[in-house]
Amino acid sequence: MRNPDFSAGRWRKASGSGETGCVEVTYQDGWIGVRDTKSNGNGPVLAFTEHEWQTFLDGAHNGEFALDQLAD
């Protein structure tokens, strides 16, 4: 499996993001990249396949990652 290249990605962050605690997401060549907004593009990027990302989104939609669920 090759390493994804996110250098040409169009990074997006949630409209509800404030000054702290924000993440950005991009899609590039079948990969989803996630990074901390505060890194200004210099920090690490977590990379997920389309299947991994869809699985995460489905779980989030179903409440599997709600804070009360994670605290158990």
PDB file of N, CA and C in Angstrom:
ATOM      1  N   MET A   1       0.849  -1.176   0.000  1.00  0.00           N
ATOM      2  CA  MET A   1       0.000   0.000   0.000  1.00  0.00           C
ATOM      3  C   MET A   1       0.900   1.247   0.000  1.00  0.00           C
ATOM      4  N   ARG A   2       0.646   2.146  -0.893  1.00  0.00           N
ATOM      5  CA  ARG A   2       1.459   3.359  -0.996  1.00  0.00           C
ATOM      6  C   ARG A   2       1.052   4.398   0.042  1.00  0.00           C
ATOM      7  N   ASN A   3       1.958   5.299   0.346  1.00  0.00           N
ATOM      8  CA  ASN A   3       1.636   6.400   1.253  1.00  0.00           C
ATOM      9  C   ASN A   3       0.881   7.479   0.492  1.00  0.00           C
ATOM     10  N   PRO A   4      -0.227   7.964   1.037  1.00  0.00           N
ATOM     11  CA  PRO A   4      -0.990   9.011   0.352  1.00  0.00           C
ATOM     12  C   PRO A   4      -0.248  10.344   0.382  1.00  0.00           C
ATOM     13  N   ASP A   5      -0.451  11.137  -0.662  1.00  0.00           N
ATOM     14  CA  ASP A   5       0.142  12.473  -0.764  1.00  0.00           C
ATOM     15  C   ASP A   5      -0.986  13.495  -0.677  1.00  0.00           C
ATOM     16  N   PHE A   6      -1.014  14.236   0.431  1.00  0.00           N
ATOM     17  CA  PHE A   6      -2.074  15.212   0.651  1.00  0.00           C
ATOM     18  C   PHE A   6      -1.637  16.638   0.336  1.00  0.00           C
ATOM     19  N   SER A   7      -0.484  16.797  -0.289  1.00  0.00           N
ATOM     20  CA  SER A   7       0.055  18.144  -0.531  1.00  0.00           C
ATOM     21  C   SER A   7      -0.842  18.991  -1.432  1.00  0.00           C
ATOM     22  N   ALA A   8      -1.602  18.361  -2.324  1.00  0.00           N
ATOM     23  CA  ALA A   8      -2.487  19.120  -3.218  1.00  0.00           C
ATOM     24  C   ALA A   8      -3.939  19.089  -2.747  1.00  0.00           C
ATOM     25  N   GLY A   9      -4.167  18.550  -1.555  1.00  0.00           N
ATOM     26  CA  GLY A   9      -5.529  18.413  -1.048  1.00  0.00           C
ATOM     27  C   GLY A   9      -6.172  19.747  -0.698  1.00  0.00           C
ATOM     28  N   ARG A  10      -7.483  19.794  -0.815  1.00  0.00           N
ATOM     29  CA  ARG A  10      -8.265  20.962  -0.388  1.00  0.00           C
ATOM     30  C   ARG A  10      -8.789  20.656   1.009  1.00  0.00           C
ATOM     31  N   TRP A  11      -8.184  21.273   2.009  1.00  0.00           N
ATOM     32  CA  TRP A  11      -8.517  21.002   3.401  1.00  0.00           C
ATOM     33  C   TRP A  11      -9.782  21.747   3.800  1.00  0.00           C
ATOM     34  N   ARG A  12     -10.650  21.059   4.555  1.00  0.00           N
ATOM     35  CA  ARG A  12     -11.912  21.638   5.014  1.00  0.00           C
ATOM     36  C   ARG A  12     -12.029  21.441   6.520  1.00  0.00           C
ATOM     37  N   LYS A  13     -12.642  22.412   7.213  1.00  0.00           N
ATOM     38  CA  LYS A  13     -12.944  22.217   8.625  1.00  0.00           C
ATOM     39  C   LYS A  13     -14.412  22.517   8.856  1.00  0.00           C
ATOM     40  N   ALA A  14     -14.941  21.977   9.935  1.00  0.00           N
ATOM     41  CA  ALA A  14     -16.359  22.125  10.229  1.00  0.00           C
ATOM     42  C   ALA A  14     -16.726  23.590  10.430  1.00  0.00           C
ATOM     43  N   SER A  15     -17.914  23.947   9.982  1.00  0.00           N
ATOM     44  CA  SER A  15     -18.363  25.329  10.120  1.00  0.00           C
ATOM     45  C   SER A  15     -18.520  25.725  11.583  1.00  0.00           C
ATOM     46  N   GLY A  16     -18.719  24.770  12.471  1.00  0.00           N
ATOM     47  CA  GLY A  16     -18.862  25.059  13.890  1.00  0.00           C
ATOM     48  C   GLY A  16     -17.540  25.184  14.625  1.00  0.00           C
ATOM     49  N   SER A  17     -16.438  25.060  13.909  1.00  0.00           N
ATOM     50  CA  SER A  17     -15.128  25.150  14.545  1.00  0.00           C
ATOM     51  C   SER A  17     -14.876  26.555  15.062  1.00  0.00           C
ATOM     52  N   GLY A  18     -14.237  26.614  16.196  1.00  0.00           N
ATOM     53  CA  GLY A  18     -13.881  27.903  16.781  1.00  0.00           C
ATOM     54  C   GLY A  18     -12.379  28.120  16.698  1.00  0.00           C
ATOM     55  N   GLU A  19     -11.848  28.790  17.696  1.00  0.00           N
ATOM     56  CA  GLU A  19     -10.415  29.102  17.730  1.00  0.00           C
ATOM     57  C   GLU A  19      -9.569  27.921  18.203  1.00  0.00           C
ATOM     58  N   THR A  20     -10.165  26.972  18.916  1.00  0.00           N
ATOM     59  CA  THR A  20      -9.395  25.842  19.444  1.00  0.00           C
ATOM     60  C   THR A  20     -10.097  24.532  19.129  1.00  0.00           C
ATOM     61  N   GLY A  21      -9.336  23.465  19.170  1.00  0.00           N
ATOM     62  CA  GLY A  21      -9.907  22.137  19.033  1.00  0.00           C
ATOM     63  C   GLY A  21     -10.458  21.783  17.674  1.00  0.00           C
ATOM     64  N   CYS A  22      -9.923  22.335  16.633  1.00  0.00           N
ATOM     65  CA  CYS A  22     -10.442  22.081  15.283  1.00  0.00           C
ATOM     66  C   CYS A  22      -9.585  21.067  14.545  1.00  0.00           C
ATOM     67  N   VAL A  23     -10.234  20.313  13.685  1.00  0.00           N
ATOM     68  CA  VAL A  23      -9.525  19.419  12.781  1.00  0.00           C
ATOM     69  C   VAL A  23      -9.933  19.749  11.355  1.00  0.00           C
ATOM     70  N   GLU A  24      -9.062  19.398  10.436  1.00  0.00           N
ATOM     71  CA  GLU A  24      -9.343  19.585   9.012  1.00  0.00           C
ATOM     72  C   GLU A  24      -9.326  18.223   8.333  1.00  0.00           C
ATOM     73  N   VAL A  25     -10.092  18.111   7.254  1.00  0.00           N
ATOM     74  CA  VAL A  25     -10.216  16.870   6.511  1.00  0.00           C
ATOM     75  C   VAL A  25     -10.034  17.165   5.030  1.00  0.00           C
ATOM     76  N   THR A  26      -9.376  16.250   4.320  1.00  0.00           N
ATOM     77  CA  THR A  26      -9.235  16.373   2.872  1.00  0.00           C
ATOM     78  C   THR A  26      -9.413  14.999   2.229  1.00  0.00           C
ATOM     79  N   TYR A  27      -9.708  15.011   0.957  1.00  0.00           N
ATOM     80  CA  TYR A  27      -9.834  13.775   0.168  1.00  0.00           C
ATOM     81  C   TYR A  27      -8.872  13.890  -1.011  1.00  0.00           C
ATOM     82  N   GLN A  28      -8.043  12.871  -1.179  1.00  0.00           N
ATOM     83  CA  GLN A  28      -7.063  12.896  -2.261  1.00  0.00           C
ATOM     84  C   GLN A  28      -6.794  11.479  -2.744  1.00  0.00           C
ATOM     85  N   ASP A  29      -7.083  11.198  -3.990  1.00  0.00           N
ATOM     86  CA  ASP A  29      -6.751   9.914  -4.618  1.00  0.00           C
ATOM     87  C   ASP A  29      -7.220   8.701  -3.824  1.00  0.00           C
ATOM     88  N   GLY A  30      -8.462   8.752  -3.317  1.00  0.00           N
ATOM     89  CA  GLY A  30      -9.010   7.615  -2.607  1.00  0.00           C
ATOM     90  C   GLY A  30      -8.670   7.563  -1.127  1.00  0.00           C
ATOM     91  N   TRP A  31      -7.988   8.556  -0.634  1.00  0.00           N
ATOM     92  CA  TRP A  31      -7.599   8.615   0.783  1.00  0.00           C
ATOM     93  C   TRP A  31      -8.225   9.834   1.448  1.00  0.00           C
ATOM     94  N   ILE A  32      -8.516   9.696   2.736  1.00  0.00           N
ATOM     95  CA  ILE A  32      -8.994  10.809   3.545  1.00  0.00           C
ATOM     96  C   ILE A  32      -7.890  11.137   4.533  1.00  0.00           C
ATOM     97  N   GLY A  33      -7.516  12.412   4.600  1.00  0.00           N
ATOM     98  CA  GLY A  33      -6.513  12.874   5.542  1.00  0.00           C
ATOM     99  C   GLY A  33      -7.172  13.728   6.614  1.00  0.00           C
ATOM    100  N   VAL A  34      -6.701  13.576   7.853  1.00  0.00           N
ATOM    101  CA  VAL A  34      -7.225  14.344   8.987  1.00  0.00           C
ATOM    102  C   VAL A  34      -6.024  14.942   9.709  1.00  0.00           C
ATOM    103  N   ARG A  35      -6.095  16.245   9.997  1.00  0.00           N
ATOM    104  CA  ARG A  35      -4.997  16.904  10.709  1.00  0.00           C
ATOM    105  C   ARG A  35      -5.542  17.958  11.665  1.00  0.00           C
ATOM    106  N   ASP A  36      -4.708  18.374  12.587  1.00  0.00           N
ATOM    107  CA  ASP A  36      -5.031  19.434  13.543  1.00  0.00           C
ATOM    108  C   ASP A  36      -4.883  20.771  12.826  1.00  0.00           C
ATOM    109  N   THR A  37      -5.911  21.589  12.876  1.00  0.00           N
ATOM    110  CA  THR A  37      -5.892  22.887  12.200  1.00  0.00           C
ATOM    111  C   THR A  37      -4.743  23.758  12.677  1.00  0.00           C
ATOM    112  N   LYS A  38      -4.428  23.675  13.972  1.00  0.00           N
ATOM    113  CA  LYS A  38      -3.393  24.535  14.547  1.00  0.00           C
ATOM    114  C   LYS A  38      -1.990  24.217  14.036  1.00  0.00           C
ATOM    115  N   SER A  39      -1.811  23.089  13.366  1.00  0.00           N
ATOM    116  CA  SER A  39      -0.478  22.725  12.867  1.00  0.00           C
ATOM    117  C   SER A  39      -0.072  23.551  11.655  1.00  0.00           C
ATOM    118  N   ASN A  40      -1.027  24.303  11.082  1.00  0.00           N
ATOM    119  CA  ASN A  40      -0.754  25.109   9.884  1.00  0.00           C
ATOM    120  C   ASN A  40      -0.136  24.290   8.759  1.00  0.00           C
ATOM    121  N   GLY A  41      -0.550  23.043   8.661  1.00  0.00           N
ATOM    122  CA  GLY A  41      -0.054  22.180   7.592  1.00  0.00           C
ATOM    123  C   GLY A  41       1.288  21.546   7.865  1.00  0.00           C
ATOM    124  N   ASN A  42       1.865  21.759   9.056  1.00  0.00           N
ATOM    125  CA  ASN A  42       3.186  21.221   9.365  1.00  0.00           C
ATOM    126  C   ASN A  42       3.146  20.009  10.275  1.00  0.00           C
ATOM    127  N   GLY A  43       1.984  19.656  10.779  1.00  0.00           N
ATOM    128  CA  GLY A  43       1.872  18.539  11.710  1.00  0.00           C
ATOM    129  C   GLY A  43       1.572  17.235  11.001  1.00  0.00           C
ATOM    130  N   PRO A  44       1.440  16.172  11.786  1.00  0.00           N
ATOM    131  CA  PRO A  44       1.137  14.857  11.198  1.00  0.00           C
ATOM    132  C   PRO A  44      -0.269  14.803  10.623  1.00  0.00           C
ATOM    133  N   VAL A  45      -0.452  13.911   9.680  1.00  0.00           N
ATOM    134  CA  VAL A  45      -1.760  13.680   9.053  1.00  0.00           C
ATOM    135  C   VAL A  45      -2.116  12.216   9.251  1.00  0.00           C
ATOM    136  N   LEU A  46      -3.299  11.970   9.784  1.00  0.00           N
ATOM    137  CA  LEU A  46      -3.811  10.610   9.867  1.00  0.00           C
ATOM    138  C   LEU A  46      -4.461  10.288   8.529  1.00  0.00           C
ATOM    139  N   ALA A  47      -4.192   9.109   7.998  1.00  0.00           N
ATOM    140  CA  ALA A  47      -4.713   8.724   6.686  1.00  0.00           C
ATOM    141  C   ALA A  47      -5.652   7.533   6.818  1.00  0.00           C
ATOM    142  N   PHE A  48      -6.798   7.621   6.127  1.00  0.00           N
ATOM    143  CA  PHE A  48      -7.800   6.565   6.154  1.00  0.00           C
ATOM    144  C   PHE A  48      -8.232   6.234   4.737  1.00  0.00           C
ATOM    145  N   THR A  49      -8.523   4.961   4.497  1.00  0.00           N
ATOM    146  CA  THR A  49      -9.090   4.569   3.208  1.00  0.00           C
ATOM    147  C   THR A  49     -10.554   5.005   3.174  1.00  0.00           C
ATOM    148  N   GLU A  50     -11.148   4.970   2.001  1.00  0.00           N
ATOM    149  CA  GLU A  50     -12.557   5.320   1.879  1.00  0.00           C
ATOM    150  C   GLU A  50     -13.416   4.408   2.755  1.00  0.00           C
ATOM    151  N   HIS A  51     -13.112   3.118   2.766  1.00  0.00           N
ATOM    152  CA  HIS A  51     -13.888   2.170   3.577  1.00  0.00           C
ATOM    153  C   HIS A  51     -13.748   2.482   5.059  1.00  0.00           C
ATOM    154  N   GLU A  52     -12.547   2.743   5.532  1.00  0.00           N
ATOM    155  CA  GLU A  52     -12.338   3.080   6.944  1.00  0.00           C
ATOM    156  C   GLU A  52     -13.112   4.338   7.326  1.00  0.00           C
ATOM    157  N   TRP A  53     -13.047   5.349   6.459  1.00  0.00           N
ATOM    158  CA  TRP A  53     -13.731   6.613   6.742  1.00  0.00           C
ATOM    159  C   TRP A  53     -15.246   6.422   6.774  1.00  0.00           C
ATOM    160  N   GLN A  54     -15.783   5.674   5.821  1.00  0.00           N
ATOM    161  CA  GLN A  54     -17.229   5.440   5.799  1.00  0.00           C
ATOM    162  C   GLN A  54     -17.666   4.663   7.029  1.00  0.00           C
ATOM    163  N   THR A  55     -16.871   3.704   7.453  1.00  0.00           N
ATOM    164  CA  THR A  55     -17.179   2.939   8.661  1.00  0.00           C
ATOM    165  C   THR A  55     -17.208   3.853   9.883  1.00  0.00           C
ATOM    166  N   PHE A  56     -16.245   4.766   9.971  1.00  0.00           N
ATOM    167  CA  PHE A  56     -16.231   5.732  11.072  1.00  0.00           C
ATOM    168  C   PHE A  56     -17.468   6.624  11.029  1.00  0.00           C
ATOM    169  N   LEU A  57     -17.791   7.161   9.859  1.00  0.00           N
ATOM    170  CA  LEU A  57     -18.960   8.033   9.736  1.00  0.00           C
ATOM    171  C   LEU A  57     -20.253   7.309  10.125  1.00  0.00           C
ATOM    172  N   ASP A  58     -20.386   6.062   9.702  1.00  0.00           N
ATOM    173  CA  ASP A  58     -21.567   5.284  10.063  1.00  0.00           C
ATOM    174  C   ASP A  58     -21.652   5.119  11.580  1.00  0.00           C
ATOM    175  N   GLY A  59     -20.528   4.802  12.211  1.00  0.00           N
ATOM    176  CA  GLY A  59     -20.513   4.647  13.660  1.00  0.00           C
ATOM    177  C   GLY A  59     -20.835   5.946  14.375  1.00  0.00           C
ATOM    178  N   ALA A  60     -20.288   7.057  13.891  1.00  0.00           N
ATOM    179  CA  ALA A  60     -20.571   8.356  14.497  1.00  0.00           C
ATOM    180  C   ALA A  60     -22.053   8.693  14.348  1.00  0.00           C
ATOM    181  N   HIS A  61     -22.603   8.424  13.186  1.00  0.00           N
ATOM    182  CA  HIS A  61     -24.031   8.682  12.947  1.00  0.00           C
ATOM    183  C   HIS A  61     -24.911   7.860  13.889  1.00  0.00           C
ATOM    184  N   ASN A  62     -24.468   6.654  14.206  1.00  0.00           N
ATOM    185  CA  ASN A  62     -25.229   5.767  15.085  1.00  0.00           C
ATOM    186  C   ASN A  62     -24.947   6.009  16.567  1.00  0.00           C
ATOM    187  N   GLY A  63     -24.137   7.007  16.898  1.00  0.00           N
ATOM    188  CA  GLY A  63     -23.865   7.356  18.281  1.00  0.00           C
ATOM    189  C   GLY A  63     -22.796   6.515  18.965  1.00  0.00           C
ATOM    190  N   GLU A  64     -22.081   5.694  18.201  1.00  0.00           N
ATOM    191  CA  GLU A  64     -21.088   4.797  18.785  1.00  0.00           C
ATOM    192  C   GLU A  64     -19.888   5.530  19.362  1.00  0.00           C
ATOM    193  N   PHE A  65     -19.655   6.782  18.964  1.00  0.00           N
ATOM    194  CA  PHE A  65     -18.490   7.523  19.432  1.00  0.00           C
ATOM    195  C   PHE A  65     -18.891   8.752  20.253  1.00  0.00           C
ATOM    196  N   ALA A  66     -20.117   8.785  20.735  1.00  0.00           N
ATOM    197  CA  ALA A  66     -20.560   9.882  21.600  1.00  0.00           C
ATOM    198  C   ALA A  66     -19.707   9.874  22.860  1.00  0.00           C
ATOM    199  N   LEU A  67     -19.505  11.036  23.444  1.00  0.00           N
ATOM    200  CA  LEU A  67     -18.626  11.143  24.599  1.00  0.00           C
ATOM    201  C   LEU A  67     -19.029  10.205  25.728  1.00  0.00           C
ATOM    202  N   ASP A  68     -20.312  10.060  25.973  1.00  0.00           N
ATOM    203  CA  ASP A  68     -20.732   9.155  27.054  1.00  0.00           C
ATOM    204  C   ASP A  68     -20.393   7.700  26.730  1.00  0.00           C
ATOM    205  N   GLN A  69     -20.376   7.344  25.442  1.00  0.00           N
ATOM    206  CA  GLN A  69     -19.996   5.992  25.043  1.00  0.00           C
ATOM    207  C   GLN A  69     -18.492   5.783  25.203  1.00  0.00           C
ATOM    208  N   LEU A  70     -17.711   6.779  24.877  1.00  0.00           N
ATOM    209  CA  LEU A  70     -16.258   6.671  24.982  1.00  0.00           C
ATOM    210  C   LEU A  70     -15.786   6.629  26.424  1.00  0.00           C
ATOM    211  N   ALA A  71     -16.537   7.264  27.335  1.00  0.00           N
ATOM    212  CA  ALA A  71     -16.141   7.334  28.733  1.00  0.00           C
ATOM    213  C   ALA A  71     -16.343   6.001  29.465  1.00  0.00           C
ATOM    214  N   ASP A  72     -17.122   5.094  28.907  1.00  0.00           N
ATOM    215  CA  ASP A  72     -17.362   3.793  29.566  1.00  0.00           C
ATOM    216  C   ASP A  72     -16.135   2.930  29.553  1.00  0.00           C
TER     217      ASP A  72
END
